[in-house]
Amino acid sequence: MVRRFPHPYTLRDAEEWIAIAMAAPRGQILTIEVDGTIAGGIAIEPHEGERTGTALFGYRLGHNGPSPGRRAFHRRWSRN
């Protein structure tokens, strides 16, 4: 886990993450789904300059029950 990952993770953090994910190039942020339920996410952040060809890879696995990420996801998509 990198230091920029907020703790505690709030609903606002989750909503901000969804906005970032929606603006990211396709394939750099993915959702992990298990039996039709969101279980987490994967993000790939390519490096530039002398570090081209490498990337920061991160993942977050959720837990059963309500979480800020799940609530934000459902709030975002229930508006459409």
N, C-alpha and C. Protein backbone atom coordinates (compact mmCIF):
# COMPACT_ATOMS: atom_id res chain seq x y z
N MET A 1 0.85 -1.16 0.00
CA MET A 1 0.00 0.00 0.00
C MET A 1 0.90 1.24 0.00
N VAL A 2 0.56 2.17 -0.83
CA VAL A 2 1.33 3.41 -0.88
C VAL A 2 0.73 4.42 0.10
N ARG A 3 1.54 5.36 0.49
CA ARG A 3 1.10 6.36 1.48
C ARG A 3 -0.06 7.21 0.97
N ARG A 4 -0.22 7.31 -0.32
CA ARG A 4 -1.29 8.17 -0.83
C ARG A 4 -2.67 7.53 -0.72
N PHE A 5 -2.72 6.27 -0.31
CA PHE A 5 -4.01 5.61 -0.13
C PHE A 5 -4.62 6.10 1.18
N PRO A 6 -5.80 6.73 1.11
CA PRO A 6 -6.37 7.31 2.32
C PRO A 6 -6.81 6.27 3.35
N HIS A 7 -6.60 6.62 4.59
CA HIS A 7 -7.08 5.78 5.69
C HIS A 7 -7.49 6.69 6.84
N PRO A 8 -8.69 6.61 7.32
CA PRO A 8 -9.74 5.69 6.86
C PRO A 8 -10.25 6.08 5.48
N TYR A 9 -10.75 5.11 4.75
CA TYR A 9 -11.26 5.29 3.39
C TYR A 9 -12.72 5.67 3.49
N THR A 10 -13.05 6.89 3.08
CA THR A 10 -14.41 7.41 3.24
C THR A 10 -15.20 7.32 1.93
N LEU A 11 -16.48 7.60 2.02
CA LEU A 11 -17.33 7.64 0.84
C LEU A 11 -16.81 8.69 -0.15
N ARG A 12 -16.38 9.84 0.36
CA ARG A 12 -15.83 10.88 -0.52
C ARG A 12 -14.57 10.38 -1.25
N ASP A 13 -13.70 9.66 -0.54
CA ASP A 13 -12.51 9.08 -1.18
C ASP A 13 -12.93 8.16 -2.32
N ALA A 14 -13.93 7.34 -2.07
CA ALA A 14 -14.40 6.40 -3.08
C ALA A 14 -14.98 7.13 -4.28
N GLU A 15 -15.75 8.18 -4.04
CA GLU A 15 -16.33 8.95 -5.14
C GLU A 15 -15.24 9.63 -5.97
N GLU A 16 -14.21 10.14 -5.31
CA GLU A 16 -13.08 10.75 -6.03
C GLU A 16 -12.35 9.70 -6.87
N TRP A 17 -12.17 8.50 -6.32
CA TRP A 17 -11.51 7.43 -7.06
C TRP A 17 -12.30 7.05 -8.30
N ILE A 18 -13.62 6.99 -8.18
CA ILE A 18 -14.45 6.64 -9.34
C ILE A 18 -14.29 7.71 -10.43
N ALA A 19 -14.23 8.98 -10.06
CA ALA A 19 -14.03 10.05 -11.04
C ALA A 19 -12.68 9.89 -11.74
N ILE A 20 -11.64 9.55 -11.00
CA ILE A 20 -10.31 9.31 -11.59
C ILE A 20 -10.39 8.11 -12.54
N ALA A 21 -11.03 7.05 -12.10
CA ALA A 21 -11.13 5.84 -12.92
C ALA A 21 -11.89 6.10 -14.21
N MET A 22 -12.93 6.91 -14.15
CA MET A 22 -13.73 7.20 -15.33
C MET A 22 -12.92 8.00 -16.36
N ALA A 23 -11.96 8.80 -15.90
CA ALA A 23 -11.15 9.63 -16.80
C ALA A 23 -9.88 8.92 -17.28
N ALA A 24 -9.53 7.79 -16.68
CA ALA A 24 -8.29 7.08 -17.02
C ALA A 24 -8.41 6.39 -18.37
N PRO A 25 -7.27 6.23 -19.06
CA PRO A 25 -7.29 5.46 -20.31
C PRO A 25 -7.81 4.05 -20.06
N ARG A 26 -8.53 3.53 -21.03
CA ARG A 26 -9.11 2.20 -20.91
C ARG A 26 -8.03 1.16 -20.60
N GLY A 27 -8.31 0.31 -19.62
CA GLY A 27 -7.41 -0.77 -19.28
C GLY A 27 -6.43 -0.46 -18.17
N GLN A 28 -6.37 0.80 -17.72
CA GLN A 28 -5.44 1.13 -16.65
C GLN A 28 -6.06 0.96 -15.27
N ILE A 29 -7.38 0.98 -15.19
CA ILE A 29 -8.08 0.75 -13.93
C ILE A 29 -9.18 -0.26 -14.20
N LEU A 30 -9.14 -1.36 -13.47
CA LEU A 30 -10.07 -2.46 -13.70
C LEU A 30 -10.79 -2.83 -12.41
N THR A 31 -11.96 -3.41 -12.55
CA THR A 31 -12.74 -3.86 -11.40
C THR A 31 -12.60 -5.37 -11.26
N ILE A 32 -12.45 -5.82 -10.03
CA ILE A 32 -12.45 -7.26 -9.74
C ILE A 32 -13.87 -7.62 -9.33
N GLU A 33 -14.44 -8.57 -10.03
CA GLU A 33 -15.82 -8.98 -9.76
C GLU A 33 -15.84 -10.47 -9.41
N VAL A 34 -16.56 -10.82 -8.37
CA VAL A 34 -16.71 -12.21 -7.95
C VAL A 34 -18.20 -12.49 -7.79
N ASP A 35 -18.71 -13.43 -8.55
CA ASP A 35 -20.12 -13.81 -8.50
C ASP A 35 -21.05 -12.61 -8.63
N GLY A 36 -20.72 -11.68 -9.54
CA GLY A 36 -21.57 -10.53 -9.80
C GLY A 36 -21.47 -9.41 -8.78
N THR A 37 -20.52 -9.50 -7.86
CA THR A 37 -20.35 -8.48 -6.82
C THR A 37 -18.97 -7.86 -6.95
N ILE A 38 -18.89 -6.54 -6.78
CA ILE A 38 -17.59 -5.87 -6.81
C ILE A 38 -16.77 -6.33 -5.62
N ALA A 39 -15.58 -6.84 -5.90
CA ALA A 39 -14.73 -7.36 -4.83
C ALA A 39 -13.44 -6.56 -4.68
N GLY A 40 -13.18 -5.65 -5.60
CA GLY A 40 -11.96 -4.86 -5.51
C GLY A 40 -11.61 -4.22 -6.82
N GLY A 41 -10.36 -3.77 -6.93
CA GLY A 41 -9.92 -3.11 -8.15
C GLY A 41 -8.43 -3.25 -8.35
N ILE A 42 -8.01 -3.01 -9.59
CA ILE A 42 -6.61 -3.05 -9.97
C ILE A 42 -6.31 -1.77 -10.73
N ALA A 43 -5.17 -1.16 -10.44
CA ALA A 43 -4.75 0.04 -11.17
C ALA A 43 -3.32 -0.13 -11.64
N ILE A 44 -3.07 0.31 -12.86
CA ILE A 44 -1.73 0.28 -13.45
C ILE A 44 -1.40 1.71 -13.84
N GLU A 45 -0.30 2.22 -13.29
CA GLU A 45 0.11 3.60 -13.57
C GLU A 45 1.48 3.57 -14.24
N PRO A 46 1.50 3.68 -15.59
CA PRO A 46 2.78 3.63 -16.29
C PRO A 46 3.69 4.80 -15.90
N HIS A 47 4.99 4.51 -15.76
CA HIS A 47 5.97 5.55 -15.49
C HIS A 47 6.41 6.17 -16.81
N GLU A 48 6.99 7.37 -16.72
CA GLU A 48 7.48 8.07 -17.91
C GLU A 48 8.97 8.36 -17.74
N GLY A 49 9.56 8.97 -18.75
CA GLY A 49 10.96 9.37 -18.70
C GLY A 49 11.89 8.18 -18.62
N GLU A 50 12.89 8.27 -17.76
CA GLU A 50 13.87 7.20 -17.67
C GLU A 50 13.28 5.90 -17.13
N ARG A 51 12.07 5.98 -16.58
CA ARG A 51 11.42 4.77 -16.04
C ARG A 51 10.39 4.20 -17.01
N THR A 52 10.36 4.71 -18.25
CA THR A 52 9.43 4.19 -19.26
C THR A 52 9.61 2.68 -19.39
N GLY A 53 8.52 1.99 -19.55
CA GLY A 53 8.56 0.54 -19.64
C GLY A 53 8.30 -0.14 -18.31
N THR A 54 8.16 0.67 -17.24
CA THR A 54 7.81 0.13 -15.93
C THR A 54 6.53 0.81 -15.47
N ALA A 55 5.92 0.27 -14.44
CA ALA A 55 4.66 0.84 -13.96
C ALA A 55 4.45 0.53 -12.48
N LEU A 56 3.66 1.36 -11.86
CA LEU A 56 3.20 1.11 -10.50
C LEU A 56 1.93 0.28 -10.63
N PHE A 57 1.87 -0.82 -9.92
CA PHE A 57 0.72 -1.72 -9.97
C PHE A 57 0.12 -1.80 -8.57
N GLY A 58 -1.16 -1.55 -8.47
CA GLY A 58 -1.79 -1.62 -7.16
C GLY A 58 -3.13 -2.35 -7.23
N TYR A 59 -3.52 -2.88 -6.12
CA TYR A 59 -4.82 -3.53 -6.05
C TYR A 59 -5.44 -3.32 -4.69
N ARG A 60 -6.73 -3.44 -4.64
CA ARG A 60 -7.47 -3.31 -3.40
C ARG A 60 -8.55 -4.37 -3.42
N LEU A 61 -8.57 -5.21 -2.42
CA LEU A 61 -9.60 -6.22 -2.29
C LEU A 61 -10.55 -5.78 -1.20
N GLY A 62 -11.82 -5.83 -1.50
CA GLY A 62 -12.83 -5.41 -0.54
C GLY A 62 -13.16 -6.50 0.45
N HIS A 63 -14.22 -6.28 1.15
CA HIS A 63 -14.70 -7.24 2.13
C HIS A 63 -16.20 -7.37 1.95
N ASN A 64 -16.77 -8.37 2.53
CA ASN A 64 -18.22 -8.53 2.46
C ASN A 64 -18.89 -7.45 3.28
N GLY A 65 -20.04 -7.05 2.86
CA GLY A 65 -20.77 -6.03 3.58
C GLY A 65 -20.55 -4.65 2.97
N PRO A 66 -21.25 -3.66 3.51
CA PRO A 66 -21.15 -2.32 2.93
C PRO A 66 -19.76 -1.74 3.14
N SER A 67 -19.26 -1.07 2.11
CA SER A 67 -17.98 -0.39 2.20
C SER A 67 -18.12 0.94 1.47
N PRO A 68 -17.28 1.91 1.76
CA PRO A 68 -17.37 3.19 1.05
C PRO A 68 -17.26 3.03 -0.46
N GLY A 69 -16.39 2.14 -0.92
CA GLY A 69 -16.24 1.93 -2.35
C GLY A 69 -17.49 1.41 -3.01
N ARG A 70 -18.12 0.44 -2.38
CA ARG A 70 -19.37 -0.11 -2.92
C ARG A 70 -20.48 0.93 -2.92
N ARG A 71 -20.59 1.66 -1.82
CA ARG A 71 -21.65 2.68 -1.75
C ARG A 71 -21.45 3.73 -2.83
N ALA A 72 -20.22 4.19 -3.02
CA ALA A 72 -19.95 5.21 -4.05
C ALA A 72 -20.23 4.67 -5.44
N PHE A 73 -19.83 3.43 -5.70
CA PHE A 73 -20.08 2.83 -7.01
C PHE A 73 -21.58 2.80 -7.30
N HIS A 74 -22.35 2.34 -6.34
CA HIS A 74 -23.79 2.23 -6.56
C HIS A 74 -24.45 3.61 -6.66
N ARG A 75 -23.98 4.58 -5.90
CA ARG A 75 -24.51 5.94 -6.02
C ARG A 75 -24.21 6.52 -7.39
N ARG A 76 -23.00 6.29 -7.89
CA ARG A 76 -22.60 6.82 -9.19
C ARG A 76 -23.44 6.23 -10.30
N TRP A 77 -23.62 4.93 -10.29
CA TRP A 77 -24.32 4.28 -11.39
C TRP A 77 -25.82 4.31 -11.25
N SER A 78 -26.35 4.53 -10.07
CA SER A 78 -27.81 4.60 -9.92
C SER A 78 -28.35 5.93 -10.44
N ARG A 79 -27.48 6.93 -10.65
CA ARG A 79 -27.91 8.23 -11.18
C ARG A 79 -28.21 8.19 -12.65
N ASN A 80 -27.69 7.20 -13.38
CA ASN A 80 -27.85 7.15 -14.85
C ASN A 80 -29.12 6.46 -15.25
